[in-house]
Amino acid sequence: MGGVRAGSLADVVWFVAPLHILSALLLVFLVLLHSGRGGGLSDMFGGGLGAQAAGSTVVERNLDRITVVAALVFAFASTAFALVA
């Protein structure tokens, strides 16, 4: 039969597992950078007062976009990891 050989599944796991872990850590870091009601870690980098006065800045929009991309990578890695394992 034309089945999938076991070595190729192991290769996929070795690719998806580190991708899943790195995207999870990056996603946690990026979410903590967002300024919320409590300020978050973005206050440490000077984003507190300027963000409230200026509204949505370019940096905040880029942070939002990067967070969405990291979340998509995490979602696809989670799905791939669930299908393989």
N, C-alpha and C. Protein backbone atom coordinates (compact mmCIF):
# COMPACT_ATOMS: atom_id res chain seq x y z
N MET A 1 0.83 -1.18 0.00
CA MET A 1 0.00 0.00 0.00
C MET A 1 0.87 1.24 0.00
N GLY A 2 0.31 2.33 -0.41
CA GLY A 2 1.02 3.60 -0.47
C GLY A 2 0.89 4.40 0.80
N GLY A 3 1.26 3.82 1.92
CA GLY A 3 1.14 4.51 3.22
C GLY A 3 2.28 5.48 3.44
N VAL A 4 2.16 6.19 4.53
CA VAL A 4 3.19 7.14 4.92
C VAL A 4 4.20 6.40 5.77
N ARG A 5 5.47 6.56 5.44
CA ARG A 5 6.49 5.86 6.22
C ARG A 5 6.69 6.57 7.56
N ALA A 6 7.12 5.83 8.56
CA ALA A 6 7.21 6.33 9.93
C ALA A 6 8.24 7.43 10.07
N GLY A 7 9.31 7.38 9.29
CA GLY A 7 10.35 8.40 9.39
C GLY A 7 9.86 9.78 9.01
N SER A 8 8.96 9.87 8.06
CA SER A 8 8.48 11.18 7.64
C SER A 8 7.60 11.83 8.70
N LEU A 9 6.83 11.04 9.45
CA LEU A 9 6.03 11.59 10.54
C LEU A 9 6.93 12.11 11.66
N ALA A 10 8.02 11.40 11.93
CA ALA A 10 8.96 11.86 12.96
C ALA A 10 9.61 13.17 12.53
N ASP A 11 9.89 13.31 11.24
CA ASP A 11 10.46 14.56 10.74
C ASP A 11 9.49 15.71 10.91
N VAL A 12 8.23 15.45 10.67
CA VAL A 12 7.21 16.49 10.82
C VAL A 12 7.08 16.90 12.28
N VAL A 13 7.12 15.94 13.18
CA VAL A 13 7.03 16.25 14.61
C VAL A 13 8.23 17.08 15.05
N TRP A 14 9.41 16.74 14.57
CA TRP A 14 10.60 17.51 14.92
C TRP A 14 10.57 18.91 14.35
N PHE A 15 9.80 19.14 13.31
CA PHE A 15 9.65 20.50 12.76
C PHE A 15 8.54 21.26 13.47
N VAL A 16 7.43 20.59 13.75
CA VAL A 16 6.25 21.27 14.29
C VAL A 16 6.41 21.57 15.78
N ALA A 17 7.02 20.67 16.54
CA ALA A 17 7.13 20.86 17.99
C ALA A 17 7.90 22.12 18.37
N PRO A 18 9.11 22.35 17.82
CA PRO A 18 9.80 23.61 18.17
C PRO A 18 9.05 24.85 17.65
N LEU A 19 8.42 24.72 16.50
CA LEU A 19 7.64 25.84 15.97
C LEU A 19 6.48 26.16 16.90
N HIS A 20 5.85 25.14 17.44
CA HIS A 20 4.73 25.31 18.36
C HIS A 20 5.19 25.98 19.66
N ILE A 21 6.31 25.53 20.19
CA ILE A 21 6.83 26.08 21.45
C ILE A 21 7.27 27.53 21.26
N LEU A 22 8.00 27.80 20.19
CA LEU A 22 8.47 29.16 19.94
C LEU A 22 7.32 30.13 19.68
N SER A 23 6.32 29.68 18.93
CA SER A 23 5.19 30.56 18.67
C SER A 23 4.38 30.80 19.94
N ALA A 24 4.30 29.82 20.83
CA ALA A 24 3.59 30.01 22.10
C ALA A 24 4.30 31.03 22.97
N LEU A 25 5.62 30.92 23.08
CA LEU A 25 6.39 31.88 23.88
C LEU A 25 6.32 33.28 23.29
N LEU A 26 6.42 33.37 21.97
CA LEU A 26 6.32 34.67 21.32
C LEU A 26 4.95 35.28 21.51
N LEU A 27 3.93 34.46 21.44
CA LEU A 27 2.56 34.96 21.61
C LEU A 27 2.34 35.48 23.03
N VAL A 28 2.85 34.78 24.03
CA VAL A 28 2.74 35.25 25.41
C VAL A 28 3.46 36.59 25.58
N PHE A 29 4.66 36.69 25.03
CA PHE A 29 5.43 37.93 25.12
C PHE A 29 4.71 39.09 24.44
N LEU A 30 4.17 38.85 23.25
CA LEU A 30 3.49 39.91 22.52
C LEU A 30 2.20 40.35 23.20
N VAL A 31 1.47 39.41 23.77
CA VAL A 31 0.23 39.77 24.46
C VAL A 31 0.55 40.60 25.70
N LEU A 32 1.64 40.27 26.39
CA LEU A 32 2.02 41.05 27.56
C LEU A 32 2.49 42.46 27.19
N LEU A 33 2.97 42.64 25.97
CA LEU A 33 3.40 43.97 25.54
C LEU A 33 2.22 44.91 25.28
N HIS A 34 1.06 44.36 25.00
CA HIS A 34 -0.10 45.20 24.71
C HIS A 34 -0.50 45.98 25.94
N SER A 35 -0.93 47.21 25.71
CA SER A 35 -1.41 48.01 26.84
C SER A 35 -2.90 47.78 27.00
N GLY A 36 -3.27 47.38 28.17
CA GLY A 36 -4.67 47.15 28.48
C GLY A 36 -5.13 48.15 29.51
N ARG A 37 -6.10 47.77 30.29
CA ARG A 37 -6.59 48.67 31.34
C ARG A 37 -5.52 48.87 32.40
N GLY A 38 -4.74 47.84 32.69
CA GLY A 38 -3.72 47.94 33.72
C GLY A 38 -2.40 48.46 33.20
N GLY A 39 -2.26 48.67 31.92
CA GLY A 39 -1.02 49.19 31.37
C GLY A 39 -0.18 48.13 30.71
N GLY A 40 0.03 47.00 31.37
CA GLY A 40 0.84 45.94 30.78
C GLY A 40 2.31 46.28 30.79
N LEU A 41 3.09 45.50 30.09
CA LEU A 41 4.52 45.72 30.01
C LEU A 41 4.88 46.87 29.09
N SER A 42 3.93 47.34 28.30
CA SER A 42 4.24 48.43 27.38
C SER A 42 4.55 49.71 28.13
N ASP A 43 4.07 49.85 29.37
CA ASP A 43 4.40 51.03 30.17
C ASP A 43 5.89 51.08 30.48
N MET A 44 6.51 49.92 30.57
CA MET A 44 7.94 49.88 30.86
C MET A 44 8.75 50.48 29.73
N PHE A 45 8.24 50.42 28.52
CA PHE A 45 8.95 50.91 27.35
C PHE A 45 8.44 52.27 26.90
N GLY A 46 7.72 52.97 27.74
CA GLY A 46 7.27 54.31 27.42
C GLY A 46 6.01 54.37 26.60
N GLY A 47 5.22 53.34 26.56
CA GLY A 47 4.02 53.34 25.75
C GLY A 47 2.77 53.76 26.49
N GLY A 48 2.88 54.06 27.76
CA GLY A 48 1.70 54.34 28.56
C GLY A 48 1.04 55.67 28.26
N LEU A 49 1.75 56.76 28.49
CA LEU A 49 1.16 58.09 28.34
C LEU A 49 0.98 58.47 26.88
N GLY A 50 1.94 58.15 26.06
CA GLY A 50 1.84 58.51 24.65
C GLY A 50 0.71 57.79 23.94
N ALA A 51 0.47 56.55 24.31
CA ALA A 51 -0.59 55.77 23.67
C ALA A 51 -1.96 56.31 24.06
N GLN A 52 -2.11 56.78 25.29
CA GLN A 52 -3.40 57.32 25.71
C GLN A 52 -3.67 58.66 25.06
N ALA A 53 -2.64 59.45 24.86
CA ALA A 53 -2.82 60.78 24.30
C ALA A 53 -3.00 60.74 22.79
N ALA A 54 -2.28 59.86 22.12
CA ALA A 54 -2.28 59.86 20.66
C ALA A 54 -3.25 58.86 20.06
N GLY A 55 -3.86 58.02 20.86
CA GLY A 55 -4.76 57.01 20.31
C GLY A 55 -3.98 55.82 19.79
N SER A 56 -4.33 55.33 18.62
CA SER A 56 -3.68 54.17 18.04
C SER A 56 -2.50 54.62 17.19
N THR A 57 -1.30 54.33 17.65
CA THR A 57 -0.10 54.73 16.94
C THR A 57 0.32 53.64 15.96
N VAL A 58 1.31 53.96 15.16
CA VAL A 58 1.84 53.00 14.18
C VAL A 58 2.45 51.81 14.90
N VAL A 59 3.12 52.07 16.01
CA VAL A 59 3.75 50.99 16.76
C VAL A 59 2.69 50.03 17.29
N GLU A 60 1.60 50.55 17.79
CA GLU A 60 0.54 49.69 18.31
C GLU A 60 -0.12 48.87 17.20
N ARG A 61 -0.31 49.49 16.05
CA ARG A 61 -0.89 48.74 14.93
C ARG A 61 0.04 47.64 14.46
N ASN A 62 1.34 47.94 14.41
CA ASN A 62 2.30 46.91 14.02
C ASN A 62 2.37 45.79 15.06
N LEU A 63 2.28 46.16 16.34
CA LEU A 63 2.25 45.15 17.39
C LEU A 63 1.02 44.27 17.26
N ASP A 64 -0.12 44.88 16.92
CA ASP A 64 -1.34 44.10 16.68
C ASP A 64 -1.16 43.13 15.53
N ARG A 65 -0.57 43.60 14.45
CA ARG A 65 -0.38 42.74 13.27
C ARG A 65 0.56 41.59 13.57
N ILE A 66 1.66 41.87 14.27
CA ILE A 66 2.62 40.82 14.61
C ILE A 66 1.98 39.79 15.55
N THR A 67 1.14 40.27 16.47
CA THR A 67 0.45 39.37 17.39
C THR A 67 -0.52 38.47 16.64
N VAL A 68 -1.22 39.01 15.66
CA VAL A 68 -2.15 38.19 14.87
C VAL A 68 -1.39 37.14 14.08
N VAL A 69 -0.26 37.50 13.50
CA VAL A 69 0.54 36.53 12.75
C VAL A 69 1.05 35.44 13.67
N ALA A 70 1.52 35.82 14.86
CA ALA A 70 2.00 34.82 15.82
C ALA A 70 0.86 33.91 16.27
N ALA A 71 -0.33 34.46 16.43
CA ALA A 71 -1.48 33.64 16.82
C ALA A 71 -1.86 32.67 15.70
N LEU A 72 -1.77 33.10 14.46
CA LEU A 72 -2.07 32.21 13.33
C LEU A 72 -1.05 31.09 13.22
N VAL A 73 0.22 31.43 13.40
CA VAL A 73 1.26 30.40 13.37
C VAL A 73 1.04 29.40 14.49
N PHE A 74 0.67 29.89 15.69
CA PHE A 74 0.39 29.01 16.82
C PHE A 74 -0.80 28.11 16.52
N ALA A 75 -1.85 28.67 15.92
CA ALA A 75 -3.05 27.89 15.61
C ALA A 75 -2.75 26.80 14.58
N PHE A 76 -2.02 27.15 13.53
CA PHE A 76 -1.68 26.15 12.51
C PHE A 76 -0.73 25.10 13.07
N ALA A 77 0.21 25.51 13.91
CA ALA A 77 1.13 24.53 14.52
C ALA A 77 0.37 23.61 15.46
N SER A 78 -0.60 24.15 16.20
CA SER A 78 -1.41 23.33 17.10
C SER A 78 -2.22 22.30 16.31
N THR A 79 -2.81 22.76 15.21
CA THR A 79 -3.60 21.85 14.38
C THR A 79 -2.72 20.77 13.75
N ALA A 80 -1.57 21.18 13.23
CA ALA A 80 -0.66 20.21 12.62
C ALA A 80 -0.13 19.22 13.65
N PHE A 81 0.15 19.72 14.84
CA PHE A 81 0.65 18.85 15.90
C PHE A 81 -0.42 17.86 16.34
N ALA A 82 -1.67 18.30 16.37
CA ALA A 82 -2.76 17.40 16.76
C ALA A 82 -3.01 16.34 15.67
N LEU A 83 -2.85 16.71 14.41
CA LEU A 83 -3.08 15.76 13.34
C LEU A 83 -1.96 14.73 13.23
N VAL A 84 -0.75 15.14 13.56
CA VAL A 84 0.40 14.23 13.42
C VAL A 84 0.52 13.32 14.63
N ALA A 85 0.35 13.89 15.80
CA ALA A 85 0.59 13.12 17.03
C ALA A 85 -0.57 12.22 17.38
